[in-house]
Amino acid sequence: MLVDSHCHLDFDAFEEDRAEALQRAREAGVGRVVTICTKLTEFERVRSLARDHGAVDCSVGIHPHHVEEEGIAETERLVALAAEPEVVGIGETGLDFYYDRSPREDQRMSFRNHIAAARETGLPLIVHTRDADDETAAILAEEMEEGAFSGVIHCFSAGPALAETAIGLGLYISFSGIVTFRKSDELRRIAAGVPLDRILVETDAPYLAPVPRRGKRNEPAFVAHTAAAVAAAKGIEVDALSRQTTDNFFRLFRKSAARAGL
């Protein structure tokens, strides 16, 4: 069994074949999918997908791209929405200094409020970071000093220093289809060095379809290709990688494990 720990089933790219995409995921051995909230104004749409499909969980949060339009997330609101049974994580949140679609200070404040919500609820934090390695590491370390929380750096494409910091803080690293790309040698080296019990796999669908599906719309079934690439980087069998990443997922996302009856 595999888990797609991060995708966006609510996006319009799945409007015409969402049910079929989930069926293809089941046929590919994907037993659990987490569809990720990026805007609180669209939370009910995200939640309804998890409510209507037994193998789908969701999160609650505001992506750093959308902080300016959505407003800085209030910890109390995140905590309240996280009480819904389908919600298994907080985010995605973090810092994106590549596109800078929201003011950086607003991104920082929203990130810290999400961390506070993760700490209060006990749900894992789902972190997005791009071109912000040092500041992401600093905020995570500072906030961990204020009180422990769990979490994952999703769609990891940063450098080894952030991976080392995250692992040192007890966080997990999730690899996407980027790890299959021809020019991702450094990322494969990082994957090889991440402890096996700290790795998750994801699609970030509909984005970042892995080789050999690159250039197509991504979907949860394709997480199998990412798992194969990570297994190759670590020099282990795909079945062993699949079992371990699934165990890791349910250890981190305990509410999902409860929903799945595990």
Protein backbone atom coordinates (compact mmCIF):
# COMPACT_ATOMS: atom_id res chain seq x y z
CA MET A 1 0.00 0.00 0.00
CA LEU A 2 1.11 3.53 -0.81
CA VAL A 3 -0.12 6.88 0.49
CA ASP A 4 -0.24 10.09 -1.54
CA SER A 5 0.41 12.39 1.38
CA HIS A 6 -0.19 15.63 -0.53
CA CYS A 7 -2.35 16.47 -3.53
CA HIS A 8 -5.07 18.93 -4.56
CA LEU A 9 -8.13 16.99 -5.66
CA ASP A 10 -10.33 20.06 -5.36
CA PHE A 11 -8.53 21.87 -8.19
CA ASP A 12 -10.32 22.34 -11.48
CA ALA A 13 -7.88 19.99 -13.22
CA PHE A 14 -9.83 17.10 -11.65
CA GLU A 15 -13.30 18.47 -12.31
CA GLU A 16 -14.15 16.04 -15.10
CA ASP A 17 -12.63 12.79 -13.79
CA ARG A 18 -12.08 13.06 -10.02
CA ALA A 19 -13.79 9.76 -9.23
CA GLU A 20 -11.94 8.02 -12.03
CA ALA A 21 -8.61 9.41 -10.79
CA LEU A 22 -9.30 7.98 -7.35
CA GLN A 23 -10.19 4.63 -8.90
CA ARG A 24 -6.91 4.63 -10.82
CA ALA A 25 -5.12 5.37 -7.54
CA ARG A 26 -6.74 2.37 -5.89
CA GLU A 27 -5.74 0.18 -8.83
CA ALA A 28 -2.13 1.43 -8.47
CA GLY A 29 -2.07 0.39 -4.81
CA VAL A 30 -2.63 3.85 -3.31
CA GLY A 31 -4.77 3.25 -0.25
CA ARG A 32 -4.90 6.75 1.24
CA VAL A 33 -4.85 10.28 -0.19
CA VAL A 34 -4.62 13.65 1.55
CA THR A 35 -6.13 16.56 -0.35
CA ILE A 36 -4.61 19.81 0.86
CA CYS A 37 -6.35 23.08 1.66
CA THR A 38 -4.72 26.22 0.27
CA LYS A 39 -7.49 28.76 1.00
CA LEU A 40 -9.84 28.89 3.97
CA THR A 41 -12.49 30.35 1.67
CA GLU A 42 -12.45 26.99 -0.15
CA PHE A 43 -12.14 24.77 2.91
CA GLU A 44 -15.67 23.37 2.66
CA ARG A 45 -15.02 22.27 -0.91
CA VAL A 46 -11.86 20.47 0.21
CA ARG A 47 -13.55 18.96 3.22
CA SER A 48 -16.49 17.69 1.17
CA LEU A 49 -14.14 15.61 -0.95
CA ALA A 50 -12.79 13.91 2.14
CA ARG A 51 -16.28 13.46 3.53
CA ASP A 52 -17.54 11.88 0.32
CA HIS A 53 -14.60 9.54 -0.29
CA GLY A 54 -13.63 7.17 2.50
CA ALA A 55 -9.95 6.89 1.53
CA VAL A 56 -9.44 10.67 1.34
CA ASP A 57 -8.39 12.95 4.21
CA CYS A 58 -7.89 16.71 4.12
CA SER A 59 -6.04 19.54 5.82
CA VAL A 60 -6.88 23.12 6.74
CA GLY A 61 -4.68 26.10 5.98
CA ILE A 62 -3.64 29.01 3.78
CA HIS A 63 -0.83 28.60 1.25
CA PRO A 64 1.75 31.41 1.42
CA HIS A 65 0.76 32.44 -2.12
CA HIS A 66 -2.74 33.30 -0.87
CA VAL A 67 -2.04 35.06 2.42
CA GLU A 68 -2.53 38.52 0.94
CA GLU A 69 -5.94 37.72 -0.57
CA GLU A 70 -7.14 35.46 2.26
CA GLY A 71 -5.70 37.39 5.18
CA ILE A 72 -3.29 36.13 7.83
CA ALA A 73 -4.62 32.89 9.24
CA GLU A 74 -5.95 33.18 12.77
CA THR A 75 -4.84 30.37 15.03
CA GLU A 76 -8.24 30.11 16.69
CA ARG A 77 -10.02 29.65 13.37
CA LEU A 78 -7.56 27.01 12.23
CA VAL A 79 -8.01 25.13 15.50
CA ALA A 80 -11.79 25.26 15.21
CA LEU A 81 -11.82 23.97 11.64
CA ALA A 82 -9.28 21.29 12.49
CA ALA A 83 -11.84 19.71 14.81
CA GLU A 84 -13.77 18.46 11.77
CA PRO A 85 -13.35 14.69 11.51
CA GLU A 86 -11.88 14.77 7.99
CA VAL A 87 -9.04 17.17 8.90
CA VAL A 88 -5.77 15.37 9.62
CA GLY A 89 -3.19 18.16 9.22
CA ILE A 90 -2.55 21.92 9.42
CA GLY A 91 -1.49 23.68 6.22
CA GLU A 92 -0.15 23.95 3.77
CA THR A 93 1.71 26.92 5.11
CA GLY A 94 5.23 28.28 5.03
CA LEU A 95 7.33 30.73 3.05
CA ASP A 96 7.61 31.23 -0.69
CA PHE A 97 10.18 33.88 -1.56
CA TYR A 98 10.46 32.71 -5.18
CA TYR A 99 7.12 34.07 -6.39
CA ASP A 100 6.56 36.53 -3.49
CA ARG A 101 2.82 36.58 -4.17
CA SER A 102 2.17 37.72 -0.60
CA PRO A 103 4.17 40.17 1.52
CA ARG A 104 6.96 38.35 3.30
CA GLU A 105 6.04 39.60 6.76
CA ASP A 106 2.47 38.41 6.27
CA GLN A 107 3.78 35.01 5.19
CA ARG A 108 5.89 34.83 8.34
CA MET A 109 2.99 35.71 10.62
CA SER A 110 0.66 33.24 8.92
CA PHE A 111 3.32 30.52 9.16
CA ARG A 112 3.75 31.06 12.89
CA ASN A 113 -0.02 31.03 13.45
CA HIS A 114 -0.27 27.70 11.64
CA ILE A 115 2.52 26.35 13.83
CA ALA A 116 0.60 27.46 16.91
CA ALA A 117 -2.48 25.65 15.60
CA ALA A 118 -0.46 22.48 14.97
CA ARG A 119 0.94 22.68 18.48
CA GLU A 120 -2.52 23.19 20.02
CA THR A 121 -4.32 20.50 18.02
CA GLY A 122 -1.53 17.93 17.93
CA LEU A 123 -2.00 17.63 14.16
CA PRO A 124 1.07 17.69 11.90
CA LEU A 125 2.16 20.89 10.20
CA ILE A 126 2.42 20.73 6.39
CA VAL A 127 5.21 23.07 5.29
CA HIS A 128 5.76 24.65 1.87
CA THR A 129 9.08 26.38 1.35
CA ARG A 130 10.74 27.79 -1.74
CA ASP A 131 13.82 30.02 -1.89
CA ALA A 132 13.49 30.47 1.87
CA ASP A 133 15.59 27.67 3.34
CA ASP A 134 17.40 29.67 6.02
CA GLU A 135 14.35 31.53 7.28
CA THR A 136 12.15 28.45 7.21
CA ALA A 137 14.74 26.59 9.29
CA ALA A 138 15.06 29.50 11.71
CA ILE A 139 11.30 29.83 12.27
CA LEU A 140 10.86 26.08 12.74
CA ALA A 141 13.69 26.00 15.27
CA GLU A 142 12.45 29.07 17.14
CA GLU A 143 8.90 27.77 17.32
CA MET A 144 10.01 24.32 18.44
CA GLU A 145 11.64 26.04 21.42
CA GLU A 146 8.23 27.47 22.31
CA GLY A 147 6.66 24.01 22.36
CA ALA A 148 6.89 20.80 20.41
CA PHE A 149 4.90 20.12 17.25
CA SER A 150 5.10 17.54 14.49
CA GLY A 151 5.18 18.10 10.76
CA VAL A 152 6.53 17.49 7.29
CA ILE A 153 8.39 19.54 4.71
CA HIS A 154 6.28 18.71 1.68
CA CYS A 155 7.49 18.48 -1.93
CA PHE A 156 11.05 18.78 -0.70
CA SER A 157 13.28 20.59 -3.20
CA ALA A 158 15.50 22.55 -0.83
CA GLY A 159 19.12 22.01 0.12
CA PRO A 160 20.71 19.52 2.50
CA ALA A 161 20.96 22.04 5.35
CA LEU A 162 17.18 22.39 5.60
CA ALA A 163 16.76 18.63 5.42
CA GLU A 164 19.24 18.23 8.27
CA THR A 165 17.50 20.90 10.36
CA ALA A 166 14.07 19.38 9.78
CA ILE A 167 15.24 15.90 10.71
CA GLY A 168 16.97 17.28 13.79
CA LEU A 169 13.71 18.88 14.87
CA GLY A 170 11.86 15.58 14.50
CA LEU A 171 10.07 16.52 11.29
CA TYR A 172 9.55 14.39 8.18
CA ILE A 173 10.59 14.95 4.55
CA SER A 174 8.17 14.27 1.68
CA PHE A 175 9.42 13.72 -1.85
CA SER A 176 7.40 14.46 -4.97
CA GLY A 177 7.85 13.74 -8.66
CA ILE A 178 10.75 16.21 -8.71
CA VAL A 179 12.96 13.39 -7.41
CA THR A 180 12.44 11.56 -10.73
CA PHE A 181 13.58 14.47 -12.92
CA ARG A 182 16.80 14.07 -14.90
CA LYS A 183 18.49 17.09 -13.30
CA SER A 184 17.54 16.20 -9.71
CA ASP A 185 20.79 14.44 -8.78
CA GLU A 186 21.28 16.54 -5.65
CA LEU A 187 17.74 15.82 -4.50
CA ARG A 188 18.29 12.10 -4.98
CA ARG A 189 21.46 12.37 -2.90
CA ILE A 190 19.45 14.08 -0.17
CA ALA A 191 16.80 11.35 -0.37
CA ALA A 192 19.51 8.74 -0.01
CA GLY A 193 20.65 10.37 3.24
CA VAL A 194 17.28 10.98 4.90
CA PRO A 195 16.55 8.30 7.51
CA LEU A 196 14.12 5.76 6.14
CA ASP A 197 11.73 6.29 9.04
CA ARG A 198 11.38 10.02 8.20
CA ILE A 199 10.36 9.79 4.52
CA LEU A 200 6.94 10.32 2.95
CA VAL A 201 5.98 10.35 -0.73
CA GLU A 202 3.45 12.53 -2.52
CA THR A 203 2.33 13.80 -5.90
CA ASP A 204 1.38 17.45 -5.27
CA ALA A 205 -1.08 16.68 -8.08
CA PRO A 206 -2.10 18.12 -10.45
CA TYR A 207 1.46 19.50 -10.57
CA LEU A 208 4.89 17.90 -11.01
CA ALA A 209 4.03 14.65 -12.74
CA PRO A 210 6.95 12.25 -12.36
CA VAL A 211 8.94 10.60 -15.11
CA PRO A 212 7.63 8.79 -17.20
CA ARG A 213 4.45 10.91 -16.96
CA ARG A 214 6.20 14.27 -16.98
CA GLY A 215 4.34 16.85 -19.00
CA LYS A 216 0.99 15.26 -18.20
CA ARG A 217 -1.45 16.18 -15.47
CA ASN A 218 -0.30 14.53 -12.27
CA GLU A 219 -2.66 12.37 -10.21
CA PRO A 220 -2.45 10.24 -7.04
CA ALA A 221 -1.77 6.97 -8.90
CA PHE A 222 1.55 8.38 -10.09
CA VAL A 223 2.98 8.42 -6.56
CA ALA A 224 4.15 4.89 -7.39
CA HIS A 225 6.77 6.37 -9.75
CA THR A 226 8.04 8.69 -7.03
CA ALA A 227 8.27 5.80 -4.58
CA ALA A 228 10.29 3.82 -7.11
CA ALA A 229 12.75 6.69 -7.57
CA VAL A 230 13.22 7.16 -3.83
CA ALA A 231 13.71 3.42 -3.37
CA ALA A 232 16.36 3.42 -6.09
CA ALA A 233 18.13 6.38 -4.48
CA LYS A 234 18.24 4.50 -1.19
CA GLY A 235 19.17 1.19 -2.77
CA ILE A 236 16.19 -0.75 -1.41
CA GLU A 237 13.26 -2.62 -2.90
CA VAL A 238 10.17 -0.61 -3.85
CA ASP A 239 7.94 -2.79 -1.65
CA ALA A 240 10.12 -2.04 1.37
CA LEU A 241 10.01 1.69 0.63
CA SER A 242 6.24 1.56 0.18
CA ARG A 243 5.69 -0.23 3.49
CA GLN A 244 7.99 2.12 5.37
CA THR A 245 6.58 5.35 3.95
CA THR A 246 3.05 4.17 4.66
CA ASP A 247 4.01 3.31 8.24
CA ASN A 248 5.66 6.72 8.52
CA PHE A 249 2.56 8.45 7.22
CA PHE A 250 0.24 6.82 9.74
CA ARG A 251 2.71 7.49 12.57
CA LEU A 252 2.72 11.19 11.70
CA PHE A 253 -0.91 11.57 10.62
CA ARG A 254 -2.44 9.75 13.57
CA LYS A 255 -5.91 11.09 12.90
CA SER A 256 -5.81 9.53 9.44
CA ALA A 257 -4.82 6.22 11.00
CA ALA A 258 -7.85 6.46 13.30
CA ARG A 259 -10.14 7.28 10.37
CA ALA A 260 -8.73 4.29 8.48
CA GLY A 261 -9.34 2.06 11.48
CA LEU A 262 -5.62 1.35 12.05
